[in-house]
Amino acid sequence: MMETYSLAVAGVKRKLPIIPISNDLKIASFVILGDTEIVVAAASLLAEQLKDIDYLVTAEAKGIPLVHELSKQLNMPEYIVARKSVKPYMDEPLINQVVSITTQKEQLLCLDGKDAAKIKGKRIALIDDVISTGESIRILEELVTKAGGITVSKAAILAEGDAAERDDIVYLEKLPVF
């Protein structure tokens, strides 16, 4: 029988499987891909906390359903997704390449040149499903800054572990680590 963690967020309850990440760390696996109910409920609460922004930006892939629903609720005609590799359709892509502290692997995030041009000088909210070490959101913020965007908000459904102590993020619930 798999260990689970009971989570209630935005009036929706889920039992999350507890997954070992290393010998001394387990996390509750929170997956919003395919979960329309939790995405819609969480987006409506997060939308209330996102004021005076021009664009929503997320990194592929898990933040996409959330940023899509947020853009609908905020009546925004579009949102921007930073991709994890350069795609053939990209014209003059803007690239941020870093070595992840946690995985020791190179991580790549890139914006299509036309998306980078859209966010220049604009107020940006960075969106993710979960903020944990803060590494992913930091890489995304660096990319937005490179494009000339101004990050005014960082939002997620959950703050995992120590991220819940941060005062620079907006989130709905804490998610413990085990």
Protein backbone atom coordinates (compact mmCIF):
# COMPACT_ATOMS: atom_id res chain seq x y z
CA MET A 1 0.00 0.00 0.00
CA MET A 2 1.52 3.30 -1.10
CA GLU A 3 1.83 6.09 1.46
CA THR A 4 -0.29 9.13 0.63
CA TYR A 5 -0.62 12.74 1.74
CA SER A 6 -4.07 14.35 1.95
CA LEU A 7 -4.14 17.77 0.33
CA ALA A 8 -7.00 20.26 0.24
CA VAL A 9 -6.49 23.23 -2.06
CA ALA A 10 -9.08 25.71 -3.34
CA GLY A 11 -11.87 23.52 -1.94
CA VAL A 12 -10.65 20.43 -3.81
CA LYS A 13 -9.26 17.36 -2.01
CA ARG A 14 -6.63 15.00 -3.39
CA LYS A 15 -4.64 12.07 -1.99
CA LEU A 16 -1.09 12.48 -3.26
CA PRO A 17 1.28 9.51 -3.51
CA ILE A 18 4.44 9.96 -1.45
CA ILE A 19 7.43 9.29 -3.70
CA PRO A 20 11.08 8.73 -2.60
CA ILE A 21 13.45 11.21 -4.29
CA SER A 22 16.59 10.10 -2.46
CA ASN A 23 17.51 8.00 0.59
CA ASP A 24 16.54 10.78 2.97
CA LEU A 25 13.85 12.68 1.04
CA LYS A 26 10.32 11.89 -0.06
CA ILE A 27 7.83 14.23 -1.68
CA ALA A 28 4.08 14.18 -2.21
CA SER A 29 3.60 13.99 -5.98
CA PHE A 30 1.25 16.75 -7.15
CA VAL A 31 0.33 16.49 -10.84
CA ILE A 32 -2.09 19.00 -12.37
CA LEU A 33 -1.80 17.67 -15.92
CA GLY A 34 -5.26 16.36 -16.77
CA ASP A 35 -6.85 17.58 -13.50
CA THR A 36 -9.30 20.22 -14.77
CA GLU A 37 -11.11 20.51 -11.43
CA ILE A 38 -8.05 21.50 -9.40
CA VAL A 39 -6.64 23.75 -12.14
CA VAL A 40 -9.87 25.77 -12.46
CA ALA A 41 -10.40 26.04 -8.70
CA ALA A 42 -6.79 27.06 -7.98
CA ALA A 43 -6.63 29.51 -10.89
CA SER A 44 -9.67 31.41 -9.65
CA LEU A 45 -8.01 31.98 -6.25
CA LEU A 46 -4.60 32.83 -7.72
CA ALA A 47 -6.16 35.22 -10.25
CA GLU A 48 -7.45 37.38 -7.37
CA GLN A 49 -3.86 37.86 -6.21
CA LEU A 50 -2.37 38.76 -9.59
CA LYS A 51 -2.84 42.49 -10.14
CA ASP A 52 -1.43 44.89 -12.73
CA ILE A 53 0.29 42.40 -14.97
CA ASP A 54 0.72 42.45 -18.73
CA TYR A 55 1.74 38.84 -19.39
CA LEU A 56 1.75 35.45 -17.70
CA VAL A 57 4.87 33.35 -18.36
CA THR A 58 5.48 29.71 -17.47
CA ALA A 59 8.02 27.03 -18.36
CA GLU A 60 6.87 23.88 -20.11
CA ALA A 61 5.21 21.58 -19.22
CA LYS A 62 3.42 21.29 -15.88
CA GLY A 63 2.56 24.99 -15.55
CA ILE A 64 0.75 25.11 -18.91
CA PRO A 65 -2.77 24.08 -17.80
CA LEU A 66 -2.59 26.56 -14.91
CA VAL A 67 -1.32 29.48 -17.01
CA HIS A 68 -3.98 28.70 -19.64
CA GLU A 69 -6.80 28.84 -17.07
CA LEU A 70 -5.32 31.93 -15.38
CA SER A 71 -5.20 33.76 -18.71
CA LYS A 72 -8.90 32.93 -19.26
CA GLN A 73 -9.90 34.13 -15.79
CA LEU A 74 -7.85 37.32 -16.13
CA ASN A 75 -9.30 37.98 -19.61
CA MET A 76 -5.84 37.93 -21.19
CA PRO A 77 -5.77 37.02 -24.88
CA GLU A 78 -2.49 35.09 -24.61
CA TYR A 79 0.25 33.74 -22.35
CA ILE A 80 3.86 32.82 -22.96
CA VAL A 81 5.54 29.44 -22.53
CA ALA A 82 9.31 29.15 -22.23
CA ARG A 83 10.38 25.91 -23.92
CA LYS A 84 13.01 23.44 -22.72
CA SER A 85 14.69 23.27 -26.12
CA VAL A 86 15.01 25.44 -29.19
CA LYS A 87 12.20 24.63 -31.64
CA PRO A 88 12.43 24.92 -35.44
CA TYR A 89 9.68 27.58 -35.53
CA MET A 90 11.65 29.94 -33.27
CA ASP A 91 13.02 33.10 -34.81
CA GLU A 92 16.03 34.54 -32.94
CA PRO A 93 15.35 32.55 -29.75
CA LEU A 94 16.49 33.95 -26.41
CA ILE A 95 18.22 31.22 -24.39
CA ASN A 96 19.05 30.81 -20.71
CA GLN A 97 21.33 27.87 -19.98
CA VAL A 98 22.21 27.00 -16.40
CA VAL A 99 23.50 24.04 -14.46
CA SER A 100 20.91 22.96 -11.91
CA ILE A 101 22.21 22.86 -8.35
CA THR A 102 19.92 19.97 -7.50
CA THR A 103 20.40 17.71 -10.53
CA GLN A 104 23.89 18.86 -11.64
CA LYS A 105 22.49 18.75 -15.19
CA GLU A 106 22.35 21.58 -17.68
CA GLN A 107 18.91 23.11 -17.96
CA LEU A 108 17.87 25.08 -20.99
CA LEU A 109 14.96 27.49 -21.21
CA CYS A 110 14.24 29.50 -24.32
CA LEU A 111 11.78 32.03 -25.62
CA ASP A 112 10.86 32.57 -29.22
CA GLY A 113 12.20 35.96 -30.34
CA LYS A 114 8.68 37.29 -30.95
CA ASP A 115 7.64 36.33 -27.38
CA ALA A 116 10.77 37.96 -25.97
CA ALA A 117 9.89 41.15 -27.88
CA LYS A 118 6.31 41.11 -26.48
CA ILE A 119 7.44 41.08 -22.84
CA LYS A 120 10.13 43.75 -23.14
CA GLY A 121 9.30 46.51 -20.65
CA LYS A 122 6.14 44.67 -19.55
CA ARG A 123 5.00 43.55 -16.09
CA ILE A 124 5.25 39.77 -15.85
CA ALA A 125 3.80 37.16 -13.50
CA LEU A 126 5.77 33.90 -13.46
CA ILE A 127 3.51 30.88 -13.01
CA ASP A 128 4.27 27.31 -11.90
CA ASP A 129 2.33 24.44 -10.36
CA VAL A 130 4.70 23.99 -7.40
CA ILE A 131 7.61 26.11 -6.16
CA SER A 132 10.08 23.95 -4.26
CA THR A 133 13.80 24.77 -4.38
CA GLY A 134 12.96 27.87 -6.43
CA GLU A 135 15.44 26.82 -9.09
CA SER A 136 12.91 26.57 -11.96
CA ILE A 137 11.30 29.92 -11.20
CA ARG A 138 14.75 31.55 -10.84
CA ILE A 139 15.83 30.30 -14.28
CA LEU A 140 12.55 31.54 -15.74
CA GLU A 141 12.96 34.93 -14.07
CA GLU A 142 16.50 35.25 -15.49
CA LEU A 143 15.12 34.55 -18.98
CA VAL A 144 12.35 37.15 -18.56
CA THR A 145 14.93 39.69 -17.31
CA LYS A 146 17.17 38.93 -20.32
CA ALA A 147 14.18 39.74 -22.55
CA GLY A 148 13.69 43.05 -20.72
CA GLY A 149 10.55 41.95 -18.87
CA ILE A 150 9.86 43.08 -15.30
CA THR A 151 8.88 40.25 -12.95
CA VAL A 152 6.26 41.65 -10.57
CA SER A 153 4.83 38.38 -9.27
CA LYS A 154 5.73 34.70 -8.86
CA ALA A 155 2.76 32.42 -8.27
CA ALA A 156 2.12 28.71 -7.78
CA ILE A 157 -0.61 26.48 -6.43
CA LEU A 158 1.74 25.00 -3.83
CA ALA A 159 4.92 25.98 -1.99
CA GLU A 160 6.87 22.86 -1.11
CA GLY A 161 9.15 22.58 1.92
CA ASP A 162 11.20 25.73 2.66
CA ALA A 163 9.60 27.61 -0.24
CA ALA A 164 6.62 28.24 2.08
CA GLU A 165 8.89 30.58 4.11
CA ARG A 166 9.57 32.83 1.10
CA ASP A 167 7.95 36.26 1.09
CA ASP A 168 8.39 36.86 -2.66
CA ILE A 169 5.93 34.25 -3.89
CA VAL A 170 2.15 33.89 -3.96
CA TYR A 171 0.78 30.40 -3.28
CA LEU A 172 -2.39 28.74 -2.03
CA GLU A 173 -1.16 25.91 0.21
CA LYS A 174 2.00 24.47 1.74
CA LEU A 175 3.21 21.03 0.72
CA PRO A 176 5.50 19.32 3.22
CA VAL A 177 8.53 17.22 2.32
CA PHE A 178 9.09 13.95 4.14
